Amino acid sequence: MAFVILDPCRGEKSGECVSVCPVDCIEEGPDQFYIDPDVCIDCGACKAVCPVDAIEEEYDLTADQEVFLEKAEEFFANK
């Protein structure tokens, strides 16, 4: 499982999550930060420091939030 960054990050892009990630799996995209689902170790450090509560575990996503996991997968597939 991995964590996923959701809509509240868009426009905010605080970045605290990047500095606490022990495996450096969070990168800044054009509209928000993204977590690489293939590298994330599900530690939760990013969720704990997010000031806008934009990070959820993959298995807790609602149907309308699934798009953010897809966006992250696409972002890292194109690297």
PDB file of N, CA and C in Angstrom:
ATOM      1  N   MET A   1       0.832  -1.189   0.000  1.00  0.00           N
ATOM      2  CA  MET A   1       0.000   0.000   0.000  1.00  0.00           C
ATOM      3  C   MET A   1       0.876   1.252   0.000  1.00  0.00           C
ATOM      4  N   ALA A   2       0.281   2.323  -0.446  1.00  0.00           N
ATOM      5  CA  ALA A   2       1.010   3.588  -0.521  1.00  0.00           C
ATOM      6  C   ALA A   2       0.100   4.718  -0.072  1.00  0.00           C
ATOM      7  N   PHE A   3       0.707   5.830   0.219  1.00  0.00           N
ATOM      8  CA  PHE A   3      -0.052   7.031   0.515  1.00  0.00           C
ATOM      9  C   PHE A   3      -0.269   7.794  -0.782  1.00  0.00           C
ATOM     10  N   VAL A   4      -1.329   8.594  -0.811  1.00  0.00           N
ATOM     11  CA  VAL A   4      -1.712   9.346  -2.006  1.00  0.00           C
ATOM     12  C   VAL A   4      -1.989  10.787  -1.587  1.00  0.00           C
ATOM     13  N   ILE A   5      -1.500  11.726  -2.379  1.00  0.00           N
ATOM     14  CA  ILE A   5      -1.742  13.145  -2.121  1.00  0.00           C
ATOM     15  C   ILE A   5      -2.976  13.574  -2.905  1.00  0.00           C
ATOM     16  N   LEU A   6      -3.907  14.193  -2.189  1.00  0.00           N
ATOM     17  CA  LEU A   6      -5.209  14.542  -2.747  1.00  0.00           C
ATOM     18  C   LEU A   6      -5.335  16.028  -3.076  1.00  0.00           C
ATOM     19  N   ASP A   7      -6.539  16.414  -3.458  1.00  0.00           N
ATOM     20  CA  ASP A   7      -6.856  17.757  -3.943  1.00  0.00           C
ATOM     21  C   ASP A   7      -6.418  18.920  -3.049  1.00  0.00           C
ATOM     22  N   PRO A   8      -6.485  18.827  -1.715  1.00  0.00           N
ATOM     23  CA  PRO A   8      -6.072  19.990  -0.927  1.00  0.00           C
ATOM     24  C   PRO A   8      -4.636  20.462  -1.180  1.00  0.00           C
ATOM     25  N   CYS A   9      -3.809  19.609  -1.742  1.00  0.00           N
ATOM     26  CA  CYS A   9      -2.426  19.995  -2.053  1.00  0.00           C
ATOM     27  C   CYS A   9      -2.354  20.931  -3.253  1.00  0.00           C
ATOM     28  N   ARG A  10      -3.313  20.793  -4.146  1.00  0.00           N
ATOM     29  CA  ARG A  10      -3.296  21.604  -5.363  1.00  0.00           C
ATOM     30  C   ARG A  10      -3.348  23.075  -4.999  1.00  0.00           C
ATOM     31  N   GLY A  11      -2.391  23.806  -5.474  1.00  0.00           N
ATOM     32  CA  GLY A  11      -2.316  25.225  -5.184  1.00  0.00           C
ATOM     33  C   GLY A  11      -1.579  25.534  -3.882  1.00  0.00           C
ATOM     34  N   GLU A  12      -1.648  24.632  -2.910  1.00  0.00           N
ATOM     35  CA  GLU A  12      -0.988  24.845  -1.615  1.00  0.00           C
ATOM     36  C   GLU A  12       0.495  24.488  -1.715  1.00  0.00           C
ATOM     37  N   LYS A  13       0.779  23.253  -2.073  1.00  0.00           N
ATOM     38  CA  LYS A  13       2.138  22.747  -2.276  1.00  0.00           C
ATOM     39  C   LYS A  13       3.113  23.210  -1.192  1.00  0.00           C
ATOM     40  N   SER A  14       2.793  22.914   0.052  1.00  0.00           N
ATOM     41  CA  SER A  14       3.643  23.314   1.179  1.00  0.00           C
ATOM     42  C   SER A  14       5.009  22.641   1.138  1.00  0.00           C
ATOM     43  N   GLY A  15       5.049  21.336   0.910  1.00  0.00           N
ATOM     44  CA  GLY A  15       6.311  20.639   0.747  1.00  0.00           C
ATOM     45  C   GLY A  15       6.908  20.012   1.986  1.00  0.00           C
ATOM     46  N   GLU A  16       6.252  20.140   3.143  1.00  0.00           N
ATOM     47  CA  GLU A  16       6.793  19.513   4.349  1.00  0.00           C
ATOM     48  C   GLU A  16       6.950  18.007   4.163  1.00  0.00           C
ATOM     49  N   CYS A  17       6.065  17.427   3.376  1.00  0.00           N
ATOM     50  CA  CYS A  17       6.081  15.987   3.145  1.00  0.00           C
ATOM     51  C   CYS A  17       7.389  15.518   2.496  1.00  0.00           C
ATOM     52  N   VAL A  18       7.932  16.324   1.624  1.00  0.00           N
ATOM     53  CA  VAL A  18       9.152  15.943   0.895  1.00  0.00           C
ATOM     54  C   VAL A  18      10.324  15.743   1.856  1.00  0.00           C
ATOM     55  N   SER A  19      10.476  16.651   2.782  1.00  0.00           N
ATOM     56  CA  SER A  19      11.643  16.600   3.660  1.00  0.00           C
ATOM     57  C   SER A  19      11.588  15.488   4.700  1.00  0.00           C
ATOM     58  N   VAL A  20      10.404  14.964   5.000  1.00  0.00           N
ATOM     59  CA  VAL A  20      10.310  13.902   6.013  1.00  0.00           C
ATOM     60  C   VAL A  20      10.267  12.500   5.424  1.00  0.00           C
ATOM     61  N   CYS A  21      10.125  12.374   4.135  1.00  0.00           N
ATOM     62  CA  CYS A  21      10.021  11.058   3.505  1.00  0.00           C
ATOM     63  C   CYS A  21      11.374  10.332   3.565  1.00  0.00           C
ATOM     64  N   PRO A  22      11.420   9.172   4.242  1.00  0.00           N
ATOM     65  CA  PRO A  22      12.699   8.462   4.386  1.00  0.00           C
ATOM     66  C   PRO A  22      13.193   7.777   3.115  1.00  0.00           C
ATOM     67  N   VAL A  23      12.316   7.637   2.110  1.00  0.00           N
ATOM     68  CA  VAL A  23      12.728   6.967   0.871  1.00  0.00           C
ATOM     69  C   VAL A  23      12.677   7.897  -0.339  1.00  0.00           C
ATOM     70  N   ASP A  24      12.509   9.188  -0.100  1.00  0.00           N
ATOM     71  CA  ASP A  24      12.505  10.200  -1.166  1.00  0.00           C
ATOM     72  C   ASP A  24      11.569   9.846  -2.327  1.00  0.00           C
ATOM     73  N   CYS A  25      10.336   9.481  -1.985  1.00  0.00           N
ATOM     74  CA  CYS A  25       9.395   9.087  -3.039  1.00  0.00           C
ATOM     75  C   CYS A  25       8.384  10.177  -3.380  1.00  0.00           C
ATOM     76  N   ILE A  26       8.574  11.386  -2.850  1.00  0.00           N
ATOM     77  CA  ILE A  26       7.633  12.479  -3.118  1.00  0.00           C
ATOM     78  C   ILE A  26       8.319  13.522  -3.992  1.00  0.00           C
ATOM     79  N   GLU A  27       7.644  13.863  -5.084  1.00  0.00           N
ATOM     80  CA  GLU A  27       8.189  14.851  -6.012  1.00  0.00           C
ATOM     81  C   GLU A  27       7.133  15.897  -6.335  1.00  0.00           C
ATOM     82  N   GLU A  28       7.605  17.074  -6.659  1.00  0.00           N
ATOM     83  CA  GLU A  28       6.711  18.166  -7.037  1.00  0.00           C
ATOM     84  C   GLU A  28       6.346  18.056  -8.508  1.00  0.00           C
ATOM     85  N   GLY A  29       5.059  18.098  -8.770  1.00  0.00           N
ATOM     86  CA  GLY A  29       4.557  18.128 -10.130  1.00  0.00           C
ATOM     87  C   GLY A  29       4.080  19.522 -10.467  1.00  0.00           C
ATOM     88  N   PRO A  30       3.506  19.713 -11.639  1.00  0.00           N
ATOM     89  CA  PRO A  30       3.071  21.047 -12.047  1.00  0.00           C
ATOM     90  C   PRO A  30       1.941  21.627 -11.194  1.00  0.00           C
ATOM     91  N   ASP A  31       1.092  20.763 -10.642  1.00  0.00           N
ATOM     92  CA  ASP A  31      -0.055  21.269  -9.890  1.00  0.00           C
ATOM     93  C   ASP A  31      -0.083  20.844  -8.429  1.00  0.00           C
ATOM     94  N   GLN A  32       0.698  19.836  -8.065  1.00  0.00           N
ATOM     95  CA  GLN A  32       0.719  19.345  -6.693  1.00  0.00           C
ATOM     96  C   GLN A  32       1.927  18.432  -6.514  1.00  0.00           C
ATOM     97  N   PHE A  33       2.131  17.943  -5.296  1.00  0.00           N
ATOM     98  CA  PHE A  33       3.157  16.927  -5.053  1.00  0.00           C
ATOM     99  C   PHE A  33       2.560  15.561  -5.319  1.00  0.00           C
ATOM    100  N   TYR A  34       3.418  14.613  -5.667  1.00  0.00           N
ATOM    101  CA  TYR A  34       2.988  13.242  -5.939  1.00  0.00           C
ATOM    102  C   TYR A  34       3.871  12.269  -5.174  1.00  0.00           C
ATOM    103  N   ILE A  35       3.265  11.178  -4.714  1.00  0.00           N
ATOM    104  CA  ILE A  35       3.984  10.099  -4.038  1.00  0.00           C
ATOM    105  C   ILE A  35       4.086   8.939  -5.006  1.00  0.00           C
ATOM    106  N   ASP A  36       5.304   8.439  -5.208  1.00  0.00           N
ATOM    107  CA  ASP A  36       5.511   7.289  -6.086  1.00  0.00           C
ATOM    108  C   ASP A  36       4.970   6.047  -5.385  1.00  0.00           C
ATOM    109  N   PRO A  37       3.879   5.462  -5.896  1.00  0.00           N
ATOM    110  CA  PRO A  37       3.269   4.321  -5.225  1.00  0.00           C
ATOM    111  C   PRO A  37       4.137   3.063  -5.249  1.00  0.00           C
ATOM    112  N   ASP A  38       5.108   3.006  -6.137  1.00  0.00           N
ATOM    113  CA  ASP A  38       5.997   1.848  -6.202  1.00  0.00           C
ATOM    114  C   ASP A  38       7.155   1.945  -5.229  1.00  0.00           C
ATOM    115  N   VAL A  39       7.405   3.133  -4.683  1.00  0.00           N
ATOM    116  CA  VAL A  39       8.536   3.342  -3.784  1.00  0.00           C
ATOM    117  C   VAL A  39       8.080   3.582  -2.344  1.00  0.00           C
ATOM    118  N   CYS A  40       6.894   4.127  -2.166  1.00  0.00           N
ATOM    119  CA  CYS A  40       6.361   4.452  -0.836  1.00  0.00           C
ATOM    120  C   CYS A  40       6.375   3.213   0.064  1.00  0.00           C
ATOM    121  N   ILE A  41       6.886   3.387   1.288  1.00  0.00           N
ATOM    122  CA  ILE A  41       6.953   2.273   2.240  1.00  0.00           C
ATOM    123  C   ILE A  41       5.825   2.347   3.269  1.00  0.00           C
ATOM    124  N   ASP A  42       4.881   3.246   3.077  1.00  0.00           N
ATOM    125  CA  ASP A  42       3.691   3.332   3.921  1.00  0.00           C
ATOM    126  C   ASP A  42       4.019   3.650   5.375  1.00  0.00           C
ATOM    127  N   CYS A  43       4.990   4.529   5.579  1.00  0.00           N
ATOM    128  CA  CYS A  43       5.408   4.852   6.949  1.00  0.00           C
ATOM    129  C   CYS A  43       4.511   5.890   7.610  1.00  0.00           C
ATOM    130  N   GLY A  44       3.873   6.750   6.812  1.00  0.00           N
ATOM    131  CA  GLY A  44       2.970   7.754   7.350  1.00  0.00           C
ATOM    132  C   GLY A  44       3.608   9.061   7.776  1.00  0.00           C
ATOM    133  N   ALA A  45       4.902   9.189   7.603  1.00  0.00           N
ATOM    134  CA  ALA A  45       5.579  10.433   8.012  1.00  0.00           C
ATOM    135  C   ALA A  45       5.016  11.634   7.262  1.00  0.00           C
ATOM    136  N   CYS A  46       4.721  11.473   5.997  1.00  0.00           N
ATOM    137  CA  CYS A  46       4.193  12.574   5.188  1.00  0.00           C
ATOM    138  C   CYS A  46       2.821  13.015   5.679  1.00  0.00           C
ATOM    139  N   LYS A  47       1.973  12.072   5.972  1.00  0.00           N
ATOM    140  CA  LYS A  47       0.620  12.375   6.443  1.00  0.00           C
ATOM    141  C   LYS A  47       0.668  13.165   7.750  1.00  0.00           C
ATOM    142  N   ALA A  48       1.592  12.796   8.621  1.00  0.00           N
ATOM    143  CA  ALA A  48       1.693  13.436   9.927  1.00  0.00           C
ATOM    144  C   ALA A  48       2.063  14.917   9.843  1.00  0.00           C
ATOM    145  N   VAL A  49       2.801  15.317   8.807  1.00  0.00           N
ATOM    146  CA  VAL A  49       3.248  16.712   8.718  1.00  0.00           C
ATOM    147  C   VAL A  49       2.468  17.564   7.720  1.00  0.00           C
ATOM    148  N   CYS A  50       1.555  16.985   6.981  1.00  0.00           N
ATOM    149  CA  CYS A  50       0.817  17.739   5.958  1.00  0.00           C
ATOM    150  C   CYS A  50      -0.096  18.779   6.616  1.00  0.00           C
ATOM    151  N   PRO A  51       0.144  20.070   6.346  1.00  0.00           N
ATOM    152  CA  PRO A  51      -0.647  21.122   6.997  1.00  0.00           C
ATOM    153  C   PRO A  51      -2.069  21.270   6.456  1.00  0.00           C
ATOM    154  N   VAL A  52      -2.362  20.648   5.309  1.00  0.00           N
ATOM    155  CA  VAL A  52      -3.698  20.774   4.727  1.00  0.00           C
ATOM    156  C   VAL A  52      -4.438  19.436   4.682  1.00  0.00           C
ATOM    157  N   ASP A  53      -3.913  18.436   5.390  1.00  0.00           N
ATOM    158  CA  ASP A  53      -4.552  17.118   5.486  1.00  0.00           C
ATOM    159  C   ASP A  53      -4.885  16.551   4.103  1.00  0.00           C
ATOM    160  N   ALA A  54      -3.902  16.593   3.219  1.00  0.00           N
ATOM    161  CA  ALA A  54      -4.109  16.176   1.832  1.00  0.00           C
ATOM    162  C   ALA A  54      -3.631  14.763   1.539  1.00  0.00           C
ATOM    163  N   ILE A  55      -3.196  14.019   2.541  1.00  0.00           N
ATOM    164  CA  ILE A  55      -2.590  12.716   2.287  1.00  0.00           C
ATOM    165  C   ILE A  55      -3.409  11.621   2.962  1.00  0.00           C
ATOM    166  N   GLU A  56      -3.751  10.601   2.155  1.00  0.00           N
ATOM    167  CA  GLU A  56      -4.514   9.455   2.659  1.00  0.00           C
ATOM    168  C   GLU A  56      -3.860   8.162   2.193  1.00  0.00           C
ATOM    169  N   GLU A  57      -4.140   7.103   2.932  1.00  0.00           N
ATOM    170  CA  GLU A  57      -3.654   5.797   2.504  1.00  0.00           C
ATOM    171  C   GLU A  57      -4.467   5.327   1.312  1.00  0.00           C
ATOM    172  N   GLU A  58      -3.807   4.618   0.431  1.00  0.00           N
ATOM    173  CA  GLU A  58      -4.433   4.159  -0.810  1.00  0.00           C
ATOM    174  C   GLU A  58      -5.719   3.385  -0.540  1.00  0.00           C
ATOM    175  N   TYR A  59      -5.728   2.524   0.453  1.00  0.00           N
ATOM    176  CA  TYR A  59      -6.917   1.704   0.699  1.00  0.00           C
ATOM    177  C   TYR A  59      -8.067   2.480   1.344  1.00  0.00           C
ATOM    178  N   ASP A  60      -7.822   3.713   1.775  1.00  0.00           N
ATOM    179  CA  ASP A  60      -8.874   4.551   2.343  1.00  0.00           C
ATOM    180  C   ASP A  60      -9.501   5.506   1.329  1.00  0.00           C
ATOM    181  N   LEU A  61      -9.036   5.473   0.085  1.00  0.00           N
ATOM    182  CA  LEU A  61      -9.554   6.402  -0.918  1.00  0.00           C
ATOM    183  C   LEU A  61     -11.008   6.106  -1.259  1.00  0.00           C
ATOM    184  N   THR A  62     -11.773   7.171  -1.436  1.00  0.00           N
ATOM    185  CA  THR A  62     -13.134   7.019  -1.944  1.00  0.00           C
ATOM    186  C   THR A  62     -13.056   6.900  -3.460  1.00  0.00           C
ATOM    187  N   ALA A  63     -14.163   6.530  -4.065  1.00  0.00           N
ATOM    188  CA  ALA A  63     -14.188   6.352  -5.523  1.00  0.00           C
ATOM    189  C   ALA A  63     -13.770   7.626  -6.250  1.00  0.00           C
ATOM    190  N   ASP A  64     -14.192   8.790  -5.761  1.00  0.00           N
ATOM    191  CA  ASP A  64     -13.848  10.042  -6.437  1.00  0.00           C
ATOM    192  C   ASP A  64     -12.408  10.472  -6.179  1.00  0.00           C
ATOM    193  N   GLN A  65     -11.739   9.870  -5.199  1.00  0.00           N
ATOM    194  CA  GLN A  65     -10.337  10.186  -4.912  1.00  0.00           C
ATOM    195  C   GLN A  65      -9.368   9.275  -5.675  1.00  0.00           C
ATOM    196  N   GLU A  66      -9.858   8.206  -6.253  1.00  0.00           N
ATOM    197  CA  GLU A  66      -9.014   7.262  -6.993  1.00  0.00           C
ATOM    198  C   GLU A  66      -8.232   7.954  -8.111  1.00  0.00           C
ATOM    199  N   VAL A  67      -8.782   9.028  -8.656  1.00  0.00           N
ATOM    200  CA  VAL A  67      -8.129   9.758  -9.736  1.00  0.00           C
ATOM    201  C   VAL A  67      -6.755  10.268  -9.305  1.00  0.00           C
ATOM    202  N   PHE A  68      -6.588  10.574  -8.012  1.00  0.00           N
ATOM    203  CA  PHE A  68      -5.306  11.090  -7.538  1.00  0.00           C
ATOM    204  C   PHE A  68      -4.233  10.002  -7.508  1.00  0.00           C
ATOM    205  N   LEU A  69      -4.624   8.765  -7.254  1.00  0.00           N
ATOM    206  CA  LEU A  69      -3.686   7.649  -7.360  1.00  0.00           C
ATOM    207  C   LEU A  69      -3.298   7.452  -8.821  1.00  0.00           C
ATOM    208  N   GLU A  70      -4.263   7.525  -9.701  1.00  0.00           N
ATOM    209  CA  GLU A  70      -3.995   7.387 -11.131  1.00  0.00           C
ATOM    210  C   GLU A  70      -3.067   8.490 -11.631  1.00  0.00           C
ATOM    211  N   LYS A  71      -3.286   9.722 -11.150  1.00  0.00           N
ATOM    212  CA  LYS A  71      -2.414  10.830 -11.544  1.00  0.00           C
ATOM    213  C   LYS A  71      -0.980  10.595 -11.077  1.00  0.00           C
ATOM    214  N   ALA A  72      -0.812  10.069  -9.866  1.00  0.00           N
ATOM    215  CA  ALA A  72       0.525   9.790  -9.343  1.00  0.00           C
ATOM    216  C   ALA A  72       1.203   8.697 -10.161  1.00  0.00           C
ATOM    217  N   GLU A  73       0.462   7.641 -10.470  1.00  0.00           N
ATOM    218  CA  GLU A  73       1.024   6.556 -11.274  1.00  0.00           C
ATOM    219  C   GLU A  73       1.457   7.068 -12.639  1.00  0.00           C
ATOM    220  N   GLU A  74       0.636   7.915 -13.252  1.00  0.00           N
ATOM    221  CA  GLU A  74       0.964   8.489 -14.552  1.00  0.00           C
ATOM    222  C   GLU A  74       2.169   9.417 -14.467  1.00  0.00           C
ATOM    223  N   PHE A  75       2.221  10.234 -13.419  1.00  0.00           N
ATOM    224  CA  PHE A  75       3.336  11.167 -13.224  1.00  0.00           C
ATOM    225  C   PHE A  75       4.663  10.406 -13.178  1.00  0.00           C
ATOM    226  N   PHE A  76       4.731   9.338 -12.398  1.00  0.00           N
ATOM    227  CA  PHE A  76       5.980   8.593 -12.272  1.00  0.00           C
ATOM    228  C   PHE A  76       6.253   7.671 -13.457  1.00  0.00           C
ATOM    229  N   ALA A  77       5.229   7.247 -14.173  1.00  0.00           N
ATOM    230  CA  ALA A  77       5.429   6.423 -15.364  1.00  0.00           C
ATOM    231  C   ALA A  77       6.098   7.225 -16.481  1.00  0.00           C
ATOM    232  N   ASN A  78       5.869   8.531 -16.474  1.00  0.00           N
ATOM    233  CA  ASN A  78       6.417   9.403 -17.513  1.00  0.00           C
ATOM    234  C   ASN A  78       7.786   9.963 -17.164  1.00  0.00           C
ATOM    235  N   LYS A  79       8.409   9.465 -16.135  1.00  0.00           N
ATOM    236  CA  LYS A  79       9.742   9.960 -15.717  1.00  0.00           C
ATOM    237  C   LYS A  79      10.822   9.134 -16.362  1.00  0.00           C
TER     238      LYS A  79
END
